């Protein structure tokens, strides 16, 4: 389905937070077959006024499970804005994950999430 020019302009204005909300809403509707587990990828308050950072540098935003004919399939979602790009550490994490057979997807819209789970 072709997007109208107006839809394309609107999509480009979305930020990563907007896309994350779309994907979480999409997953809530798919609750019987999809479960997302949020990876804490940004600074975590340390209780002393500072932050400690995730030691798993480059980890995706979500690890998820899709039930296909009651068989769980593991995947990783890296959420990006429509113009966002992966960092080098994210690319390395993707390479390691795929080496273990984990499906890894760059998600820039809820439609990307839907498409990923049908692959």
Protein backbone atom coordinates (compact mmCIF):
# COMPACT_ATOMS: atom_id res chain seq x y z
CA UNK A 1 0.00 0.00 0.00
CA UNK A 2 1.44 3.38 -1.03
CA UNK A 3 1.64 6.12 1.58
CA UNK A 4 0.32 9.56 0.78
CA UNK A 5 2.72 12.48 0.91
CA UNK A 6 0.99 13.72 4.06
CA UNK A 7 1.45 10.32 5.79
CA UNK A 8 5.13 10.32 4.85
CA UNK A 9 5.64 13.82 6.29
CA UNK A 10 3.84 12.85 9.51
CA UNK A 11 5.93 9.70 9.88
CA UNK A 12 9.19 11.67 9.50
CA UNK A 13 8.14 13.90 12.43
CA UNK A 14 7.86 10.95 14.82
CA UNK A 15 10.59 10.51 17.40
CA UNK A 16 11.80 7.30 19.04
CA UNK A 17 9.46 7.77 22.00
CA UNK A 18 6.46 8.02 19.62
CA UNK A 19 7.50 4.86 17.78
CA UNK A 20 8.00 3.03 21.09
CA UNK A 21 4.46 3.95 22.17
CA UNK A 22 3.08 2.75 18.82
CA UNK A 23 4.91 -0.56 19.17
CA UNK A 24 3.75 -1.05 22.77
CA UNK A 25 0.15 -0.34 21.71
CA UNK A 26 0.54 -2.80 18.83
CA UNK A 27 1.89 -5.47 21.22
CA UNK A 28 -1.00 -4.89 23.64
CA UNK A 29 -3.45 -5.70 20.85
CA UNK A 30 -1.40 -8.82 20.00
CA UNK A 31 -1.27 -9.89 23.65
CA UNK A 32 -2.27 -13.49 22.91
CA UNK A 33 0.67 -14.05 20.55
CA UNK A 34 3.34 -11.40 21.27
CA UNK A 35 5.12 -10.44 24.48
CA UNK A 36 7.74 -7.68 24.68
CA UNK A 37 10.30 -7.37 27.49
CA UNK A 38 11.83 -3.90 27.83
CA UNK A 39 15.60 -3.81 28.09
CA UNK A 40 16.85 -0.95 30.26
CA UNK A 41 19.22 0.62 27.76
CA UNK A 42 19.62 4.12 29.16
CA UNK A 43 21.01 5.39 32.44
CA UNK A 44 19.43 3.88 35.54
CA UNK A 45 19.25 6.12 38.64
CA UNK A 46 21.79 4.93 41.19
CA UNK A 47 20.05 6.50 44.21
CA UNK A 48 22.97 8.89 44.74
CA UNK A 49 21.95 11.50 42.18
CA UNK A 50 23.85 9.85 39.34
CA UNK A 51 23.24 7.09 36.87
CA UNK A 52 24.65 3.65 36.27
CA UNK A 53 24.58 2.38 32.74
CA UNK A 54 23.57 -0.94 31.27
CA UNK A 55 26.65 -3.14 31.04
CA UNK A 56 25.20 -4.75 27.90
CA UNK A 57 26.22 -1.93 25.57
CA UNK A 58 24.23 -1.92 22.34
CA UNK A 59 21.40 -4.10 23.69
CA UNK A 60 18.09 -3.70 21.83
CA UNK A 61 15.13 -1.84 23.29
CA UNK A 62 13.02 -5.01 23.50
CA UNK A 63 13.49 -8.74 23.59
CA UNK A 64 10.27 -10.38 22.53
CA UNK A 65 8.55 -13.69 22.06
CA UNK A 66 6.09 -14.49 19.30
CA UNK A 67 3.98 -17.62 19.59
CA UNK A 68 3.78 -19.33 16.23
CA UNK A 69 1.51 -22.38 16.44
CA UNK A 70 2.26 -22.39 20.21
CA UNK A 71 6.00 -22.49 19.52
CA UNK A 72 7.87 -19.52 21.06
CA UNK A 73 10.12 -17.61 18.65
CA UNK A 74 12.62 -15.19 20.21
CA UNK A 75 13.33 -11.83 18.57
CA UNK A 76 14.90 -8.45 19.33
CA UNK A 77 13.48 -5.04 18.43
CA UNK A 78 15.70 -1.97 18.18
CA UNK A 79 13.36 1.03 18.07
CA UNK A 80 14.40 3.98 15.93
CA UNK A 81 12.76 7.15 14.68
CA UNK A 82 11.98 7.09 10.94
CA UNK A 83 15.38 8.73 10.31
CA UNK A 84 17.29 6.97 13.13
CA UNK A 85 20.36 4.78 12.63
CA UNK A 86 22.08 2.09 14.70
CA UNK A 87 25.23 2.85 16.64
CA UNK A 88 28.30 0.67 16.14
CA UNK A 89 27.67 -1.06 19.51
CA UNK A 90 24.10 -1.85 18.41
CA UNK A 91 25.39 -3.34 15.16
CA UNK A 92 27.81 -5.54 17.14
CA UNK A 93 25.01 -6.66 19.47
CA UNK A 94 22.86 -7.50 16.44
CA UNK A 95 25.66 -9.58 14.95
CA UNK A 96 26.08 -11.57 18.18
CA UNK A 97 22.32 -12.10 18.55
CA UNK A 98 21.94 -13.31 14.99
CA UNK A 99 24.87 -15.65 15.57
CA UNK A 100 22.70 -17.32 18.22
CA UNK A 101 19.74 -17.51 15.83
CA UNK A 102 17.82 -14.59 17.35
CA UNK A 103 15.79 -12.63 14.82
CA UNK A 104 16.78 -8.94 15.10
CA UNK A 105 14.75 -6.10 13.62
CA UNK A 106 15.12 -2.34 13.29
CA UNK A 107 11.63 -1.00 14.03
CA UNK A 108 10.62 2.47 12.84
CA UNK A 109 6.82 2.02 13.07
CA UNK A 110 4.21 -0.37 14.41
CA UNK A 111 3.86 -1.62 10.82
CA UNK A 112 7.51 -2.70 10.94
CA UNK A 113 6.74 -4.69 14.12
CA UNK A 114 3.78 -6.37 12.44
CA UNK A 115 5.86 -7.20 9.39
CA UNK A 116 8.70 -8.58 11.55
CA UNK A 117 6.48 -11.05 13.36
CA UNK A 118 5.10 -12.40 10.09
CA UNK A 119 8.58 -13.18 8.69
